Amino acid sequence: MHSRWFEPIELIIDPSRIKEDLCFQRLIQDAESRQIPLYRATSSDFAVFSATEHSPGVACVGRPLSPPLATWMTTASGIWVALDSLRDPGNLGTVLRTAAWFGVAGVLTSPTTVEYTNPKVVRGSMGGMFHLPVFTEVDLFEWLPRFHESGFRISAAAVRGGIVPQQVFPTDRELLLIGNEAFGLDPRLEKEIDQRLTISRIGGGESLNAALAAAIILYEWSKEK
């Protein structure tokens, strides 16, 4: 529950589901030691407010914490990820999970990207969303030029025609741009792109999943550090 980017407000548990689970026992002890309110609910209560059919018996109410984007952009070096109109909640959840794993400095989501708080996004991130700053409803037409002005190089994932990620040595100010699953990037963002990255296809298939493409690029860049 310790996270720089998420503040737990209250914890709800189903004692009948977690009484034998040592991991949840430690979670409860942590909440009590930090004076986080703890509420007990029945399995039937969880069936009402849980987004899954088989709830694990624990839920947390909290709020995300993020610094002002303008401040963080100028102080947080490293790799950033920007998402333009990503619509599948599973994809967004996977990107957040991957970004947290590879130590991404921040994630931007456009107003047309699926909601950050979508239950499928939360589950798909597997806790990753609580370990990095996520800036939502970001107008990329306004902010990508500002990232450029701050010394960032902007790379866009492309199905074809780009440089293979292995040939790009990441700097301390990189922004990876991922577009819509079906239509790619908004053409109006093209002028802000410094280079396109294309993952080599060895076998068949039309394209890679957007989240998988982001994961491969982040992995390749992590090897270059």
Protein backbone atom coordinates (compact mmCIF):
# COMPACT_ATOMS: atom_id res chain seq x y z
CA MET A 1 0.00 0.00 0.00
CA HIS A 2 3.03 2.26 0.15
CA SER A 3 3.06 4.37 -3.00
CA ARG A 4 4.32 7.80 -3.84
CA TRP A 5 1.57 8.22 -6.42
CA PHE A 6 -1.50 6.88 -4.61
CA GLU A 7 -3.09 7.83 -1.30
CA PRO A 8 -5.32 5.16 0.29
CA ILE A 9 -8.33 6.67 2.07
CA GLU A 10 -10.12 3.60 3.38
CA LEU A 11 -9.96 -0.17 3.14
CA ILE A 12 -12.97 -2.50 2.85
CA ILE A 13 -12.58 -6.20 3.62
CA ASP A 14 -14.66 -9.36 3.71
CA PRO A 15 -13.31 -11.16 6.82
CA SER A 16 -14.72 -14.51 5.67
CA ARG A 17 -12.62 -14.40 2.49
CA ILE A 18 -9.28 -13.27 3.82
CA LYS A 19 -8.97 -14.67 7.32
CA GLU A 20 -6.61 -17.45 6.19
CA ASP A 21 -4.53 -15.29 3.85
CA LEU A 22 -1.30 -14.05 5.42
CA CYS A 23 -0.79 -11.45 2.67
CA PHE A 24 -4.11 -9.81 3.46
CA GLN A 25 -3.38 -10.03 7.18
CA ARG A 26 -0.24 -7.99 6.61
CA LEU A 27 -2.27 -5.54 4.50
CA ILE A 28 -4.70 -5.05 7.37
CA GLN A 29 -1.88 -4.56 9.86
CA ASP A 30 -0.30 -1.98 7.55
CA ALA A 31 -3.60 -0.10 7.25
CA GLU A 32 -4.09 -0.10 11.02
CA SER A 33 -0.54 1.10 11.67
CA ARG A 34 -1.09 4.00 9.26
CA GLN A 35 -4.52 4.77 10.75
CA ILE A 36 -6.33 4.11 7.48
CA PRO A 37 -10.04 3.50 8.23
CA LEU A 38 -10.94 -0.17 7.90
CA TYR A 39 -14.49 -1.33 7.17
CA ARG A 40 -15.85 -4.86 7.16
CA ALA A 41 -18.38 -6.01 4.57
CA THR A 42 -20.09 -9.29 3.77
CA SER A 43 -19.69 -11.33 0.61
CA SER A 44 -23.14 -10.16 -0.49
CA ASP A 45 -22.02 -6.53 -0.03
CA PHE A 46 -19.00 -7.15 -2.24
CA ALA A 47 -21.26 -8.70 -4.88
CA VAL A 48 -23.07 -5.36 -5.12
CA PHE A 49 -20.13 -2.97 -5.54
CA SER A 50 -17.39 -5.22 -6.93
CA ALA A 51 -16.69 -5.05 -10.67
CA THR A 52 -15.78 -8.75 -10.81
CA GLU A 53 -17.90 -11.83 -10.25
CA HIS A 54 -15.43 -13.36 -7.82
CA SER A 55 -14.07 -10.60 -5.60
CA PRO A 56 -10.82 -11.22 -3.71
CA GLY A 57 -12.49 -9.86 -0.59
CA VAL A 58 -10.61 -6.60 -0.29
CA ALA A 59 -11.16 -3.16 -1.83
CA CYS A 60 -9.42 0.16 -1.39
CA VAL A 61 -10.77 3.66 -1.86
CA GLY A 62 -8.08 6.19 -2.65
CA ARG A 63 -6.94 9.07 -4.78
CA PRO A 64 -4.11 9.31 -7.33
CA LEU A 65 -1.35 11.78 -6.57
CA SER A 66 0.49 13.59 -9.34
CA PRO A 67 2.60 16.75 -9.33
CA PRO A 68 1.80 19.59 -11.75
CA LEU A 69 2.68 18.38 -15.24
CA ALA A 70 4.68 21.50 -16.10
CA THR A 71 6.85 21.02 -13.02
CA TRP A 72 7.35 17.28 -13.45
CA MET A 73 8.16 17.62 -17.15
CA THR A 74 11.11 19.89 -16.40
CA THR A 75 12.45 17.89 -13.45
CA ALA A 76 11.79 14.21 -14.27
CA SER A 77 14.30 12.99 -16.82
CA GLY A 78 14.09 9.59 -18.45
CA ILE A 79 11.50 7.96 -20.68
CA TRP A 80 7.91 9.16 -20.84
CA VAL A 81 4.96 7.54 -22.63
CA ALA A 82 2.13 9.45 -24.31
CA LEU A 83 -1.07 7.72 -25.46
CA ASP A 84 -3.19 9.19 -28.23
CA SER A 85 -6.75 7.83 -28.31
CA LEU A 86 -5.98 4.39 -26.87
CA ARG A 87 -9.47 2.94 -26.53
CA ASP A 88 -9.09 -0.56 -25.12
CA PRO A 89 -8.98 -0.57 -21.28
CA GLY A 90 -6.91 -3.75 -21.30
CA ASN A 91 -4.31 -2.01 -23.44
CA LEU A 92 -4.11 1.00 -21.15
CA GLY A 93 -3.84 -1.22 -18.10
CA THR A 94 -1.03 -3.20 -19.70
CA VAL A 95 0.83 -0.03 -20.73
CA LEU A 96 0.65 1.27 -17.15
CA ARG A 97 1.82 -2.07 -15.78
CA THR A 98 4.73 -2.15 -18.23
CA ALA A 99 5.63 1.51 -17.72
CA ALA A 100 5.87 1.01 -13.97
CA TRP A 101 8.05 -2.08 -14.45
CA PHE A 102 10.55 -0.25 -16.63
CA GLY A 103 10.66 2.87 -14.46
CA VAL A 104 8.96 5.26 -16.86
CA ALA A 105 9.04 8.84 -15.58
CA GLY A 106 5.44 9.64 -16.47
CA VAL A 107 2.47 8.67 -18.64
CA LEU A 108 0.26 11.09 -20.56
CA THR A 109 -3.21 10.11 -21.74
CA SER A 110 -5.16 12.21 -24.23
CA PRO A 111 -8.79 13.25 -23.62
CA THR A 112 -9.86 10.60 -26.15
CA THR A 113 -8.01 7.79 -24.35
CA VAL A 114 -10.08 5.38 -22.24
CA GLU A 115 -10.70 6.52 -18.66
CA TYR A 116 -7.82 5.92 -16.29
CA THR A 117 -10.29 4.84 -13.59
CA ASN A 118 -12.05 2.25 -15.75
CA PRO A 119 -12.23 -0.96 -13.64
CA LYS A 120 -10.64 -2.98 -16.46
CA VAL A 121 -7.75 -0.50 -16.61
CA VAL A 122 -7.23 -0.78 -12.85
CA ARG A 123 -7.24 -4.59 -12.95
CA GLY A 124 -5.07 -4.73 -16.07
CA SER A 125 -2.42 -2.51 -14.51
CA MET A 126 -1.96 -5.04 -11.67
CA GLY A 127 -0.98 -2.23 -9.32
CA GLY A 128 1.36 -0.59 -11.81
CA MET A 129 -0.80 2.52 -12.01
CA PHE A 130 0.01 3.21 -8.36
CA HIS A 131 3.75 3.34 -8.99
CA LEU A 132 4.11 6.12 -11.54
CA PRO A 133 2.56 9.54 -12.19
CA VAL A 134 -0.27 9.40 -14.73
CA PHE A 135 -1.48 12.66 -16.26
CA THR A 136 -4.93 12.32 -17.79
CA GLU A 137 -6.93 14.49 -20.17
CA VAL A 138 -3.70 15.95 -21.57
CA ASP A 139 -4.05 18.02 -24.75
CA LEU A 140 -1.20 16.53 -26.77
CA PHE A 141 -1.44 19.30 -29.37
CA GLU A 142 -0.47 21.75 -26.64
CA TRP A 143 1.93 19.62 -24.62
CA LEU A 144 4.04 17.82 -27.22
CA PRO A 145 5.53 21.16 -28.42
CA ARG A 146 6.26 21.99 -24.78
CA PHE A 147 8.06 18.68 -24.34
CA HIS A 148 10.08 19.53 -27.44
CA GLU A 149 10.98 22.89 -25.97
CA SER A 150 12.15 21.12 -22.82
CA GLY A 151 14.62 19.05 -24.81
CA PHE A 152 12.66 15.85 -25.32
CA ARG A 153 13.01 13.69 -28.41
CA ILE A 154 9.61 12.38 -29.51
CA SER A 155 9.43 8.91 -31.05
CA ALA A 156 6.25 7.35 -32.42
CA ALA A 157 5.55 3.65 -32.78
CA ALA A 158 4.70 2.82 -36.41
CA VAL A 159 3.65 -0.41 -38.10
CA ARG A 160 6.13 0.09 -40.92
CA GLY A 161 8.77 2.44 -42.26
CA GLY A 162 10.50 3.31 -39.00
CA ILE A 163 13.83 2.61 -37.31
CA VAL A 164 14.11 -0.60 -35.31
CA PRO A 165 14.19 0.27 -31.59
CA GLN A 166 17.49 -1.58 -31.11
CA GLN A 167 19.22 1.05 -33.25
CA VAL A 168 18.03 3.98 -31.13
CA PHE A 169 20.13 4.85 -28.10
CA PRO A 170 17.79 6.52 -25.59
CA THR A 171 18.73 9.91 -24.20
CA ASP A 172 17.78 11.19 -20.76
CA ARG A 173 14.74 12.92 -22.28
CA GLU A 174 12.64 10.58 -24.40
CA LEU A 175 8.92 10.54 -25.10
CA LEU A 176 7.36 7.48 -26.72
CA LEU A 177 4.09 8.18 -28.52
CA ILE A 178 1.55 5.35 -29.01
CA GLY A 179 -1.52 5.87 -31.20
CA ASN A 180 -4.99 4.42 -31.52
CA GLU A 181 -5.22 0.65 -31.97
CA ALA A 182 -7.04 0.87 -35.30
CA PHE A 183 -6.14 4.26 -36.79
CA GLY A 184 -2.74 5.12 -35.34
CA LEU A 185 -1.79 8.68 -34.48
CA ASP A 186 -3.79 11.78 -35.19
CA PRO A 187 -2.18 13.21 -38.38
CA ARG A 188 -2.04 16.63 -36.73
CA LEU A 189 0.61 15.30 -34.34
CA GLU A 190 2.94 14.28 -37.16
CA LYS A 191 4.88 17.54 -37.13
CA GLU A 192 5.96 16.92 -33.53
CA ILE A 193 7.48 13.50 -34.26
CA ASP A 194 11.28 13.29 -34.48
CA GLN A 195 11.44 9.65 -35.52
CA ARG A 196 9.28 6.57 -36.05
CA LEU A 197 10.04 3.20 -34.53
CA THR A 198 9.05 -0.07 -36.16
CA ILE A 199 9.44 -3.51 -34.58
CA SER A 200 10.76 -6.01 -37.11
CA ARG A 201 8.29 -8.63 -38.26
CA ILE A 202 9.84 -12.07 -38.60
CA GLY A 203 6.71 -14.12 -39.18
CA GLY A 204 3.16 -13.26 -40.21
CA GLY A 205 0.39 -11.03 -38.95
CA GLU A 206 -0.77 -7.53 -39.81
CA SER A 207 0.45 -5.63 -36.75
CA LEU A 208 1.29 -5.86 -33.07
CA ASN A 209 -1.02 -4.97 -30.23
CA ALA A 210 -0.42 -1.35 -29.14
CA ALA A 211 0.43 -2.27 -25.56
CA LEU A 212 2.75 -5.06 -26.69
CA ALA A 213 4.55 -2.70 -29.06
CA ALA A 214 5.07 -0.23 -26.22
CA ALA A 215 6.39 -3.03 -24.01
CA ILE A 216 8.91 -4.21 -26.60
CA ILE A 217 10.24 -0.70 -27.22
CA LEU A 218 10.56 0.01 -23.50
CA TYR A 219 12.36 -3.28 -23.02
CA GLU A 220 14.80 -2.58 -25.85
CA TRP A 221 15.49 0.89 -24.50
CA SER A 222 16.01 -0.46 -20.99
CA LYS A 223 18.83 -2.67 -22.33
CA GLU A 224 20.61 0.40 -23.69
CA LYS A 225 20.83 2.14 -20.34
